Structures are given as C-alpha cells and as structure tokens.
Amino acid sequence: MHRFITRKAAVIAALVVGIGAAGAGTAVAAGGDDDATDTPITGAALDQAKAAALAHAGGGKVTGTEVGDEESYYEVEVTFADGSQVDVQLDKSFGVVGSESDGQNDES
C-alpha cells in the first residue's frame, strides 16, 4: 500500500509541475506580445482618431490602432516613409494627450 501511495504522489507531483510549466509558458507568451490582446479602433472613431493622429504627426500612414491603451483612451501608430514611427495618444474626444517616437528601423 505504501508503494502505491508513493507512486500516486509522484504522478500527482509530476502533473502539478507540468501544469505549472505550461501555465508559465502561456504567461510568457501572452506577456511578450500584447498586440494579440489589443482592441483596434473601429467605425467613425477610427476615422476621427486617424485624422487627429496624422494631423499631429504631420503625415505618414496609420499602421496600428488601439482602444484602451495603458497611456490613453486611444493610441494610433503612425509610420513614416523612412520607417520611423510615432505612437499618438488621444483622449475620448480625440485630443492629443501625448506622443512617443518608436525610432527608425535601422537596417544599414
């Protein structure tokens, strides 16, 4: 009976370790790229957010949007012809509350 309990405990311990490792891997994968959980701006709000961000940036192309960004209500990513990017932060009324340059894609 003692041998059976020991084996059962070993199997349970292995399962717990395996489940914990799988959970940790999932957490790392989810934390590594939050783009998968971003909610894009849609509808009329998208048109207004694009217009506000492009006016603030002075041109470029909108390459990403997000509602409920950690820094503002809306975030619009603008990419320029040279590969540089800027994230424009907007409030609920599409007013600019900040921006942050993501730099230039240097591949030379």
C-alpha atoms as a PDB file:
ATOM      1  CA  MET A   1       0.000   0.000   0.000  1.00  0.00           C
ATOM      2  CA  HIS A   2       2.863   2.374   0.829  1.00  0.00           C
ATOM      3  CA  ARG A   3       4.397   1.812  -2.628  1.00  0.00           C
ATOM      4  CA  PHE A   4       1.051   2.668  -4.311  1.00  0.00           C
ATOM      5  CA  ILE A   5       0.727   5.918  -2.341  1.00  0.00           C
ATOM      6  CA  THR A   6       4.304   6.898  -3.218  1.00  0.00           C
ATOM      7  CA  ARG A   7       3.710   6.284  -6.939  1.00  0.00           C
ATOM      8  CA  LYS A   8       0.408   8.180  -6.815  1.00  0.00           C
ATOM      9  CA  ALA A   9       2.106  11.102  -5.079  1.00  0.00           C
ATOM     10  CA  ALA A  10       4.899  11.093  -7.682  1.00  0.00           C
ATOM     11  CA  VAL A  11       2.387  11.132 -10.556  1.00  0.00           C
ATOM     12  CA  ILE A  12       0.427  13.968  -8.960  1.00  0.00           C
ATOM     13  CA  ALA A  13       3.611  15.947  -8.338  1.00  0.00           C
ATOM     14  CA  ALA A  14       4.693  15.479 -11.965  1.00  0.00           C
ATOM     15  CA  LEU A  15       1.299  16.670 -13.188  1.00  0.00           C
ATOM     16  CA  VAL A  16       1.408  19.746 -10.963  1.00  0.00           C
ATOM     17  CA  VAL A  17       4.905  20.635 -12.189  1.00  0.00           C
ATOM     18  CA  GLY A  18       3.865  20.085 -15.822  1.00  0.00           C
ATOM     19  CA  ILE A  19       0.755  22.209 -15.486  1.00  0.00           C
ATOM     20  CA  GLY A  20       2.739  24.950 -13.753  1.00  0.00           C
ATOM     21  CA  ALA A  21       5.362  24.957 -16.511  1.00  0.00           C
ATOM     22  CA  ALA A  22       2.697  25.091 -19.217  1.00  0.00           C
ATOM     23  CA  GLY A  23       0.972  27.965 -17.422  1.00  0.00           C
ATOM     24  CA  ALA A  24       4.233  29.859 -17.097  1.00  0.00           C
ATOM     25  CA  GLY A  25       4.919  29.392 -20.809  1.00  0.00           C
ATOM     26  CA  THR A  26       1.498  30.720 -21.653  1.00  0.00           C
ATOM     27  CA  ALA A  27       2.009  33.731 -19.393  1.00  0.00           C
ATOM     28  CA  VAL A  28       5.364  34.488 -21.016  1.00  0.00           C
ATOM     29  CA  ALA A  29       3.900  34.147 -24.491  1.00  0.00           C
ATOM     30  CA  ALA A  30       0.986  36.421 -23.630  1.00  0.00           C
ATOM     31  CA  GLY A  31       3.197  38.969 -21.904  1.00  0.00           C
ATOM     32  CA  GLY A  32       5.783  39.011 -24.660  1.00  0.00           C
ATOM     33  CA  ASP A  33       3.451  40.406 -27.307  1.00  0.00           C
ATOM     34  CA  ASP A  34       0.478  42.389 -26.099  1.00  0.00           C
ATOM     35  CA  ASP A  35      -0.577  43.187 -29.669  1.00  0.00           C
ATOM     36  CA  ALA A  36      -2.610  39.997 -29.715  1.00  0.00           C
ATOM     37  CA  THR A  37      -4.856  41.361 -26.978  1.00  0.00           C
ATOM     38  CA  ASP A  38      -5.184  44.897 -28.350  1.00  0.00           C
ATOM     39  CA  THR A  39      -8.653  46.094 -29.320  1.00  0.00           C
ATOM     40  CA  PRO A  40      -8.470  48.081 -32.564  1.00  0.00           C
ATOM     41  CA  ILE A  41     -10.395  51.324 -33.045  1.00  0.00           C
ATOM     42  CA  THR A  42     -13.384  50.832 -35.372  1.00  0.00           C
ATOM     43  CA  GLY A  43     -16.132  52.758 -37.133  1.00  0.00           C
ATOM     44  CA  ALA A  44     -16.435  56.546 -37.020  1.00  0.00           C
ATOM     45  CA  ALA A  45     -13.998  56.658 -34.082  1.00  0.00           C
ATOM     46  CA  LEU A  46     -11.328  55.159 -36.332  1.00  0.00           C
ATOM     47  CA  ASP A  47     -11.762  57.932 -38.903  1.00  0.00           C
ATOM     48  CA  GLN A  48     -11.535  60.627 -36.219  1.00  0.00           C
ATOM     49  CA  ALA A  49      -8.553  59.022 -34.499  1.00  0.00           C
ATOM     50  CA  LYS A  50      -6.669  58.646 -37.803  1.00  0.00           C
ATOM     51  CA  ALA A  51      -7.321  62.277 -38.737  1.00  0.00           C
ATOM     52  CA  ALA A  52      -6.177  63.573 -35.341  1.00  0.00           C
ATOM     53  CA  ALA A  53      -3.031  61.409 -35.281  1.00  0.00           C
ATOM     54  CA  LEU A  54      -1.983  62.224 -38.852  1.00  0.00           C
ATOM     55  CA  ALA A  55      -2.533  65.942 -38.264  1.00  0.00           C
ATOM     56  CA  HIS A  56      -0.407  65.784 -35.108  1.00  0.00           C
ATOM     57  CA  ALA A  57       2.333  63.716 -36.783  1.00  0.00           C
ATOM     58  CA  GLY A  58       2.374  65.861 -39.905  1.00  0.00           C
ATOM     59  CA  GLY A  59       1.653  62.983 -42.284  1.00  0.00           C
ATOM     60  CA  GLY A  60       2.572  59.346 -42.557  1.00  0.00           C
ATOM     61  CA  LYS A  61       0.425  56.245 -42.645  1.00  0.00           C
ATOM     62  CA  VAL A  62      -1.637  54.763 -39.815  1.00  0.00           C
ATOM     63  CA  THR A  63      -0.276  51.260 -39.207  1.00  0.00           C
ATOM     64  CA  GLY A  64      -1.989  50.358 -35.942  1.00  0.00           C
ATOM     65  CA  THR A  65      -4.671  51.463 -33.515  1.00  0.00           C
ATOM     66  CA  GLU A  66      -5.799  50.529 -30.032  1.00  0.00           C
ATOM     67  CA  VAL A  67      -8.703  51.395 -27.742  1.00  0.00           C
ATOM     68  CA  GLY A  68      -7.960  51.449 -24.029  1.00  0.00           C
ATOM     69  CA  ASP A  69      -4.214  51.798 -24.271  1.00  0.00           C
ATOM     70  CA  GLU A  70      -2.435  51.917 -20.903  1.00  0.00           C
ATOM     71  CA  GLU A  71      -1.376  55.519 -21.582  1.00  0.00           C
ATOM     72  CA  SER A  72      -4.556  56.986 -23.088  1.00  0.00           C
ATOM     73  CA  TYR A  73      -8.049  56.225 -24.343  1.00  0.00           C
ATOM     74  CA  TYR A  74      -6.888  55.764 -27.946  1.00  0.00           C
ATOM     75  CA  GLU A  75      -3.452  55.040 -29.390  1.00  0.00           C
ATOM     76  CA  VAL A  76      -2.640  55.445 -33.078  1.00  0.00           C
ATOM     77  CA  GLU A  77       0.647  54.239 -34.542  1.00  0.00           C
ATOM     78  CA  VAL A  78       1.859  56.335 -37.488  1.00  0.00           C
ATOM     79  CA  THR A  79       4.673  55.123 -39.747  1.00  0.00           C
ATOM     80  CA  PHE A  80       6.659  57.485 -41.960  1.00  0.00           C
ATOM     81  CA  ALA A  81       8.282  56.791 -45.340  1.00  0.00           C
ATOM     82  CA  ASP A  82      11.723  56.478 -43.686  1.00  0.00           C
ATOM     83  CA  GLY A  83      10.439  53.670 -41.433  1.00  0.00           C
ATOM     84  CA  SER A  84      10.292  55.731 -38.257  1.00  0.00           C
ATOM     85  CA  GLN A  85       7.154  55.536 -36.168  1.00  0.00           C
ATOM     86  CA  VAL A  86       5.306  57.591 -33.613  1.00  0.00           C
ATOM     87  CA  ASP A  87       2.536  56.494 -31.242  1.00  0.00           C
ATOM     88  CA  VAL A  88      -0.004  59.279 -30.827  1.00  0.00           C
ATOM     89  CA  GLN A  89      -2.052  59.153 -27.614  1.00  0.00           C
ATOM     90  CA  LEU A  90      -5.600  60.552 -27.789  1.00  0.00           C
ATOM     91  CA  ASP A  91      -8.316  61.199 -25.210  1.00  0.00           C
ATOM     92  CA  LYS A  92     -12.003  60.255 -25.682  1.00  0.00           C
ATOM     93  CA  SER A  93     -12.578  63.497 -27.614  1.00  0.00           C
ATOM     94  CA  PHE A  94      -9.656  62.721 -29.978  1.00  0.00           C
ATOM     95  CA  GLY A  95      -7.476  65.410 -28.449  1.00  0.00           C
ATOM     96  CA  VAL A  96      -3.765  64.653 -28.417  1.00  0.00           C
ATOM     97  CA  VAL A  97      -2.530  63.949 -24.894  1.00  0.00           C
ATOM     98  CA  GLY A  98       0.946  62.793 -25.870  1.00  0.00           C
ATOM     99  CA  SER A  99       3.121  61.051 -28.399  1.00  0.00           C
ATOM    100  CA  GLU A 100       6.161  58.854 -28.332  1.00  0.00           C
ATOM    101  CA  SER A 101       8.613  58.145 -31.107  1.00  0.00           C
ATOM    102  CA  ASP A 102       9.374  54.488 -31.692  1.00  0.00           C
ATOM    103  CA  GLY A 103      12.507  55.475 -33.603  1.00  0.00           C
ATOM    104  CA  GLN A 104      13.634  54.466 -37.055  1.00  0.00           C
ATOM    105  CA  ASN A 105      14.045  50.959 -38.407  1.00  0.00           C
ATOM    106  CA  ASP A 106      17.839  50.937 -38.875  1.00  0.00           C
ATOM    107  CA  GLU A 107      18.901  48.064 -41.079  1.00  0.00           C
ATOM    108  CA  SER A 108      22.096  49.524 -42.501  1.00  0.00           C
END
